[in-house]
Amino acid sequence: MIDKADYTEEEILNDFRANIEMKIVEEQLEYYWIRVYTKEEYDIKPGTIVNLAHMPTTETLELMFTNYDKVGKTNTQSEDLEEFEKEENKKVLCLLVNMTDLYKRTDVDLIRKLFRKSKYYEEILLKRKDLKIFTEHVNFLDEKYMESPDNKLKDGLIIEYYDILF
């Protein structure tokens, strides 16, 4: 037992801090899902890289398409697998965002403010035409790519959406 008269609080804290060793074994990764509600059905394969771009600032964030939303999905607490619906709603895209990477990047200041789970979140009003989603890398300075009348790019497509749930 320590006699309080023999040690000051500062000495105890300094001794405690001196004996601490810290070793980072593995960096913790944080992922977040967003849903994109599209105007039409798209045929995209899981694992496809999808780009989210803010056109006025030319900020681009790579997302990964993982799956479509399920039709008739319910949020019941039942663990009965018979309620699982295999039918997919191809008008709702589920995209995976690497939040750990997003926090480290400084070139996507506006885009990282859109995600509700982000520590940078702010309420922002954007025009739909300023936020593009597409499945290939595009040169933003070349307007012919973004004004394609049939939404076809050389190796990908522009995804027309009506809402994004960040």
Protein backbone atom coordinates (compact mmCIF):
# COMPACT_ATOMS: atom_id res chain seq x y z
CA MET A 1 0.00 0.00 0.00
CA ILE A 2 1.24 3.49 -0.85
CA ASP A 3 1.36 6.05 1.87
CA LYS A 4 -0.11 9.18 0.35
CA ALA A 5 2.24 11.42 2.33
CA ASP A 6 5.32 9.86 0.73
CA TYR A 7 4.28 10.41 -2.95
CA THR A 8 2.68 13.27 -4.80
CA GLU A 9 -0.04 12.62 -7.35
CA GLU A 10 2.26 13.80 -10.16
CA GLU A 11 4.96 11.28 -9.17
CA ILE A 12 2.44 8.43 -9.17
CA LEU A 13 1.13 9.40 -12.63
CA ASN A 14 4.64 9.77 -14.07
CA ASP A 15 5.61 6.34 -12.75
CA PHE A 16 2.42 4.84 -14.22
CA ARG A 17 3.03 6.41 -17.67
CA ALA A 18 6.66 5.27 -17.76
CA ASN A 19 5.68 1.59 -17.52
CA ILE A 20 3.18 1.60 -20.38
CA GLU A 21 4.18 -0.19 -23.57
CA MET A 22 1.98 -0.10 -26.62
CA LYS A 23 2.20 -2.24 -29.72
CA ILE A 24 -0.20 -1.94 -32.64
CA VAL A 25 -0.71 -5.45 -33.95
CA GLU A 26 -3.17 -4.73 -36.74
CA GLU A 27 -4.80 -1.54 -37.94
CA GLN A 28 -8.55 -1.55 -37.42
CA LEU A 29 -10.49 -1.03 -40.66
CA GLU A 30 -13.89 0.60 -40.74
CA TYR A 31 -16.37 0.06 -43.56
CA TYR A 32 -19.73 1.66 -44.22
CA TRP A 33 -22.57 0.80 -46.60
CA ILE A 34 -24.43 3.25 -48.76
CA ARG A 35 -27.44 2.60 -50.96
CA VAL A 36 -27.97 4.13 -54.36
CA TYR A 37 -31.57 4.19 -55.62
CA THR A 38 -31.41 4.13 -59.41
CA LYS A 39 -33.91 5.06 -62.09
CA GLU A 40 -33.42 1.80 -64.00
CA GLU A 41 -31.93 -1.65 -63.49
CA TYR A 42 -28.20 -2.12 -64.00
CA ASP A 43 -26.29 -5.33 -64.51
CA ILE A 44 -23.17 -4.89 -62.36
CA LYS A 45 -21.04 -7.73 -61.02
CA PRO A 46 -20.13 -7.85 -57.30
CA GLY A 47 -16.61 -6.56 -56.74
CA THR A 48 -16.92 -3.90 -59.46
CA ILE A 49 -15.29 -0.59 -58.55
CA VAL A 50 -17.81 2.25 -58.73
CA ASN A 51 -16.68 5.87 -58.62
CA LEU A 52 -18.53 8.65 -56.81
CA ALA A 53 -17.47 12.04 -58.14
CA HIS A 54 -18.30 15.63 -57.30
CA MET A 55 -17.96 17.36 -60.66
CA PRO A 56 -17.30 21.01 -59.64
CA THR A 57 -14.38 20.05 -57.36
CA THR A 58 -13.32 16.91 -59.34
CA GLU A 59 -13.16 14.91 -56.11
CA THR A 60 -13.47 11.16 -56.71
CA LEU A 61 -14.00 8.31 -54.28
CA GLU A 62 -13.79 4.65 -55.21
CA LEU A 63 -16.53 2.42 -53.80
CA MET A 64 -17.06 -1.29 -54.25
CA PHE A 65 -20.34 -2.69 -55.51
CA THR A 66 -21.16 -5.68 -53.34
CA ASN A 67 -24.77 -6.61 -54.06
CA TYR A 68 -28.27 -5.46 -54.90
CA ASP A 69 -30.91 -4.88 -52.26
CA LYS A 70 -33.27 -7.77 -51.55
CA VAL A 71 -36.92 -7.62 -52.58
CA GLY A 72 -39.38 -7.80 -49.70
CA LYS A 73 -36.67 -7.58 -47.06
CA THR A 74 -38.04 -7.19 -43.57
CA ASN A 75 -36.24 -6.22 -40.40
CA THR A 76 -37.69 -8.95 -38.22
CA GLN A 77 -35.75 -10.35 -35.31
CA SER A 78 -36.58 -13.87 -36.34
CA GLU A 79 -33.59 -16.06 -37.12
CA ASP A 80 -35.66 -18.27 -39.36
CA LEU A 81 -33.83 -18.66 -42.67
CA GLU A 82 -37.08 -19.45 -44.47
CA GLU A 83 -37.89 -15.72 -44.48
CA PHE A 84 -34.75 -14.92 -46.53
CA GLU A 85 -35.61 -13.57 -49.98
CA LYS A 86 -33.27 -14.51 -52.82
CA GLU A 87 -34.86 -12.13 -55.33
CA GLU A 88 -32.82 -8.97 -55.87
CA ASN A 89 -34.00 -5.43 -56.51
CA LYS A 90 -31.58 -4.33 -59.24
CA LYS A 91 -32.68 -0.71 -58.86
CA VAL A 92 -30.98 -0.43 -55.45
CA LEU A 93 -27.19 -0.75 -55.38
CA CYS A 94 -25.35 -1.49 -52.12
CA LEU A 95 -21.88 0.04 -52.16
CA LEU A 96 -19.06 -0.47 -49.67
CA VAL A 97 -17.00 2.51 -48.48
CA ASN A 98 -13.63 2.15 -46.77
CA MET A 99 -14.02 4.79 -44.05
CA THR A 100 -10.46 4.29 -42.78
CA ASP A 101 -9.14 5.34 -46.20
CA LEU A 102 -11.67 8.17 -46.39
CA TYR A 103 -10.46 9.67 -43.08
CA LYS A 104 -6.82 9.63 -44.24
CA ARG A 105 -7.45 11.32 -47.58
CA THR A 106 -7.39 15.10 -47.83
CA ASP A 107 -8.32 15.33 -51.50
CA VAL A 108 -12.01 14.43 -50.91
CA ASP A 109 -13.00 17.09 -48.37
CA LEU A 110 -16.50 17.63 -49.71
CA ILE A 111 -17.33 13.96 -50.37
CA ARG A 112 -16.35 12.83 -46.88
CA LYS A 113 -18.75 15.39 -45.40
CA LEU A 114 -21.66 13.51 -47.01
CA PHE A 115 -21.35 10.31 -44.95
CA ARG A 116 -23.45 10.36 -41.79
CA LYS A 117 -21.06 8.05 -39.93
CA SER A 118 -18.07 10.22 -40.80
CA LYS A 119 -16.53 12.48 -38.18
CA TYR A 120 -16.53 15.17 -40.90
CA TYR A 121 -20.31 14.95 -41.55
CA GLU A 122 -22.15 18.16 -42.42
CA GLU A 123 -25.57 18.82 -43.90
CA ILE A 124 -24.85 19.75 -47.52
CA LEU A 125 -27.28 20.51 -50.33
CA LEU A 126 -26.00 19.32 -53.72
CA LYS A 127 -27.44 19.35 -57.19
CA ARG A 128 -27.91 15.87 -58.60
CA LYS A 129 -26.02 16.83 -61.77
CA ASP A 130 -22.95 17.71 -59.65
CA LEU A 131 -22.66 14.24 -58.10
CA LYS A 132 -21.98 11.48 -60.64
CA ILE A 133 -21.68 7.74 -60.20
CA PHE A 134 -19.96 5.67 -62.86
CA THR A 135 -18.11 2.38 -63.33
CA GLU A 136 -14.87 3.51 -64.97
CA HIS A 137 -12.27 6.15 -64.43
CA VAL A 138 -13.20 9.33 -66.28
CA ASN A 139 -11.22 12.47 -67.10
CA PHE A 140 -13.40 15.20 -65.59
CA LEU A 141 -12.04 17.87 -67.86
CA ASP A 142 -13.37 15.99 -70.88
CA GLU A 143 -17.10 16.84 -70.84
CA LYS A 144 -18.00 14.41 -73.64
CA TYR A 145 -17.79 11.51 -71.16
CA MET A 146 -20.28 12.97 -68.71
CA GLU A 147 -22.78 14.13 -71.32
CA SER A 148 -23.14 10.77 -73.03
CA PRO A 149 -26.80 10.56 -74.19
CA ASP A 150 -27.08 6.78 -73.71
CA ASN A 151 -25.15 6.70 -70.41
CA LYS A 152 -22.48 4.50 -72.00
CA LEU A 153 -18.82 5.14 -71.47
CA LYS A 154 -15.97 3.48 -73.35
CA ASP A 155 -15.60 0.67 -70.78
CA GLY A 156 -18.39 1.37 -68.30
CA LEU A 157 -21.59 3.27 -67.66
CA ILE A 158 -22.93 6.30 -65.88
CA ILE A 159 -25.43 5.27 -63.21
CA GLU A 160 -28.52 7.47 -63.19
CA TYR A 161 -29.90 7.73 -59.66
CA TYR A 162 -32.65 9.60 -57.86
CA ASP A 163 -31.40 9.21 -54.28
CA ILE A 164 -28.34 8.15 -52.30
CA LEU A 165 -28.63 7.06 -48.69
CA PHE A 166 -25.30 7.96 -47.11
